């Protein structure tokens, strides 16, 4: 199932982006 594999890939990217955004938000909060 190529579609399922594609969805898994999108999910992995979403997790990576979410963790990166959280890291940036936390860093900014500590810098203030």
PDB file of N, CA and C in Angstrom:
ATOM      1  N   UNK A   1       0.843  -1.207   0.000  1.00  0.00           N
ATOM      2  CA  UNK A   1       0.000   0.000   0.000  1.00  0.00           C
ATOM      3  C   UNK A   1       0.878   1.258   0.000  1.00  0.00           C
ATOM      4  N   UNK A   2       0.964   1.887  -1.147  1.00  0.00           N
ATOM      5  CA  UNK A   2       1.792   3.084  -1.289  1.00  0.00           C
ATOM      6  C   UNK A   2       1.187   4.265  -0.531  1.00  0.00           C
ATOM      7  N   UNK A   3      -0.143   4.345  -0.537  1.00  0.00           N
ATOM      8  CA  UNK A   3      -0.831   5.459   0.134  1.00  0.00           C
ATOM      9  C   UNK A   3      -0.551   5.433   1.633  1.00  0.00           C
ATOM     10  N   UNK A   4      -0.609   4.250   2.229  1.00  0.00           N
ATOM     11  CA  UNK A   4      -0.382   4.118   3.665  1.00  0.00           C
ATOM     12  C   UNK A   4       1.041   4.557   4.016  1.00  0.00           C
ATOM     13  N   UNK A   5       1.994   4.172   3.195  1.00  0.00           N
ATOM     14  CA  UNK A   5       3.388   4.540   3.423  1.00  0.00           C
ATOM     15  C   UNK A   5       3.544   6.060   3.339  1.00  0.00           C
ATOM     16  N   UNK A   6       2.818   6.671   2.388  1.00  0.00           N
ATOM     17  CA  UNK A   6       2.869   8.121   2.208  1.00  0.00           C
ATOM     18  C   UNK A   6       2.311   8.825   3.440  1.00  0.00           C
ATOM     19  N   UNK A   7       1.214   8.305   3.987  1.00  0.00           N
ATOM     20  CA  UNK A   7       0.597   8.880   5.192  1.00  0.00           C
ATOM     21  C   UNK A   7       1.558   8.769   6.377  1.00  0.00           C
ATOM     22  N   UNK A   8       2.236   7.645   6.495  1.00  0.00           N
ATOM     23  CA  UNK A   8       3.207   7.468   7.583  1.00  0.00           C
ATOM     24  C   UNK A   8       4.322   8.499   7.466  1.00  0.00           C
ATOM     25  N   UNK A   9       4.748   8.765   6.235  1.00  0.00           N
ATOM     26  CA  UNK A   9       5.809   9.739   5.995  1.00  0.00           C
ATOM     27  C   UNK A   9       5.357  11.133   6.417  1.00  0.00           C
ATOM     28  N   UNK A  10       4.121  11.484   6.065  1.00  0.00           N
ATOM     29  CA  UNK A  10       3.555  12.786   6.442  1.00  0.00           C
ATOM     30  C   UNK A  10       3.473  12.898   7.966  1.00  0.00           C
ATOM     31  N   UNK A  11       3.074  11.819   8.615  1.00  0.00           N
ATOM     32  CA  UNK A  11       2.973  11.801  10.077  1.00  0.00           C
ATOM     33  C   UNK A  11       4.346  12.022  10.706  1.00  0.00           C
ATOM     34  N   UNK A  12       5.383  11.383  10.143  1.00  0.00           N
ATOM     35  CA  UNK A  12       6.746  11.562  10.656  1.00  0.00           C
ATOM     36  C   UNK A  12       7.176  13.021  10.526  1.00  0.00           C
ATOM     37  N   UNK A  13       6.874  13.633   9.394  1.00  0.00           N
ATOM     38  CA  UNK A  13       7.223  15.039   9.182  1.00  0.00           C
ATOM     39  C   UNK A  13       6.472  15.926  10.171  1.00  0.00           C
ATOM     40  N   UNK A  14       5.200  15.614  10.410  1.00  0.00           N
ATOM     41  CA  UNK A  14       4.385  16.404  11.337  1.00  0.00           C
ATOM     42  C   UNK A  14       4.973  16.350  12.745  1.00  0.00           C
ATOM     43  N   UNK A  15       5.406  15.171  13.167  1.00  0.00           N
ATOM     44  CA  UNK A  15       6.010  15.006  14.495  1.00  0.00           C
ATOM     45  C   UNK A  15       7.308  15.807  14.578  1.00  0.00           C
ATOM     46  N   UNK A  16       8.123  15.748  13.521  1.00  0.00           N
ATOM     47  CA  UNK A  16       9.399  16.469  13.483  1.00  0.00           C
ATOM     48  C   UNK A  16       9.168  17.977  13.563  1.00  0.00           C
ATOM     49  N   UNK A  17       8.204  18.469  12.780  1.00  0.00           N
ATOM     50  CA  UNK A  17       7.893  19.901  12.766  1.00  0.00           C
ATOM     51  C   UNK A  17       7.352  20.337  14.129  1.00  0.00           C
ATOM     52  N   UNK A  18       6.489  19.520  14.721  1.00  0.00           N
ATOM     53  CA  UNK A  18       5.902  19.855  16.016  1.00  0.00           C
ATOM     54  C   UNK A  18       6.977  19.924  17.100  1.00  0.00           C
ATOM     55  N   UNK A  19       7.904  18.967  17.098  1.00  0.00           N
ATOM     56  CA  UNK A  19       8.963  18.955  18.104  1.00  0.00           C
ATOM     57  C   UNK A  19       9.912  20.130  17.894  1.00  0.00           C
ATOM     58  N   UNK A  20      10.188  20.471  16.631  1.00  0.00           N
ATOM     59  CA  UNK A  20      11.055  21.612  16.327  1.00  0.00           C
ATOM     60  C   UNK A  20      10.396  22.911  16.787  1.00  0.00           C
ATOM     61  N   UNK A  21       9.098  23.053  16.522  1.00  0.00           N
ATOM     62  CA  UNK A  21       8.359  24.248  16.934  1.00  0.00           C
ATOM     63  C   UNK A  21       8.340  24.359  18.454  1.00  0.00           C
ATOM     64  N   UNK A  22       8.163  23.240  19.135  1.00  0.00           N
ATOM     65  CA  UNK A  22       8.155  23.222  20.596  1.00  0.00           C
ATOM     66  C   UNK A  22       9.524  23.626  21.139  1.00  0.00           C
ATOM     67  N   UNK A  23      10.590  23.132  20.517  1.00  0.00           N
ATOM     68  CA  UNK A  23      11.962  23.456  20.921  1.00  0.00           C
ATOM     69  C   UNK A  23      12.223  24.956  20.772  1.00  0.00           C
ATOM     70  N   UNK A  24      11.789  25.520  19.629  1.00  0.00           N
ATOM     71  CA  UNK A  24      11.976  26.952  19.371  1.00  0.00           C
ATOM     72  C   UNK A  24      11.174  27.779  20.378  1.00  0.00           C
ATOM     73  N   UNK A  25       9.923  27.380  20.622  1.00  0.00           N
ATOM     74  CA  UNK A  25       9.061  28.113  21.550  1.00  0.00           C
ATOM     75  C   UNK A  25       9.646  28.088  22.959  1.00  0.00           C
ATOM     76  N   UNK A  26      10.159  26.938  23.376  1.00  0.00           N
ATOM     77  CA  UNK A  26      10.751  26.811  24.711  1.00  0.00           C
ATOM     78  C   UNK A  26      12.008  27.666  24.812  1.00  0.00           C
ATOM     79  N   UNK A  27      12.831  27.642  23.772  1.00  0.00           N
ATOM     80  CA  UNK A  27      14.063  28.432  23.752  1.00  0.00           C
ATOM     81  C   UNK A  27      13.779  29.919  23.848  1.00  0.00           C
ATOM     82  N   UNK A  28      12.773  30.385  23.134  1.00  0.00           N
ATOM     83  CA  UNK A  28      12.414  31.807  23.169  1.00  0.00           C
ATOM     84  C   UNK A  28      11.913  32.204  24.549  1.00  0.00           C
ATOM     85  N   UNK A  29      11.149  31.309  25.171  1.00  0.00           N
ATOM     86  CA  UNK A  29      10.597  31.599  26.492  1.00  0.00           C
ATOM     87  C   UNK A  29      11.735  31.727  27.518  1.00  0.00           C
ATOM     88  N   UNK A  30      12.750  30.883  27.403  1.00  0.00           N
ATOM     89  CA  UNK A  30      13.870  30.915  28.341  1.00  0.00           C
ATOM     90  C   UNK A  30      14.734  32.150  28.114  1.00  0.00           C
ATOM     91  N   UNK A  31      14.837  32.614  26.868  1.00  0.00           N
ATOM     92  CA  UNK A  31      15.673  33.772  26.545  1.00  0.00           C
ATOM     93  C   UNK A  31      15.073  35.084  27.043  1.00  0.00           C
ATOM     94  N   UNK A  32      13.765  35.148  27.161  1.00  0.00           N
ATOM     95  CA  UNK A  32      13.119  36.405  27.557  1.00  0.00           C
ATOM     96  C   UNK A  32      13.405  36.755  29.010  1.00  0.00           C
TER      97      UNK A  32
END
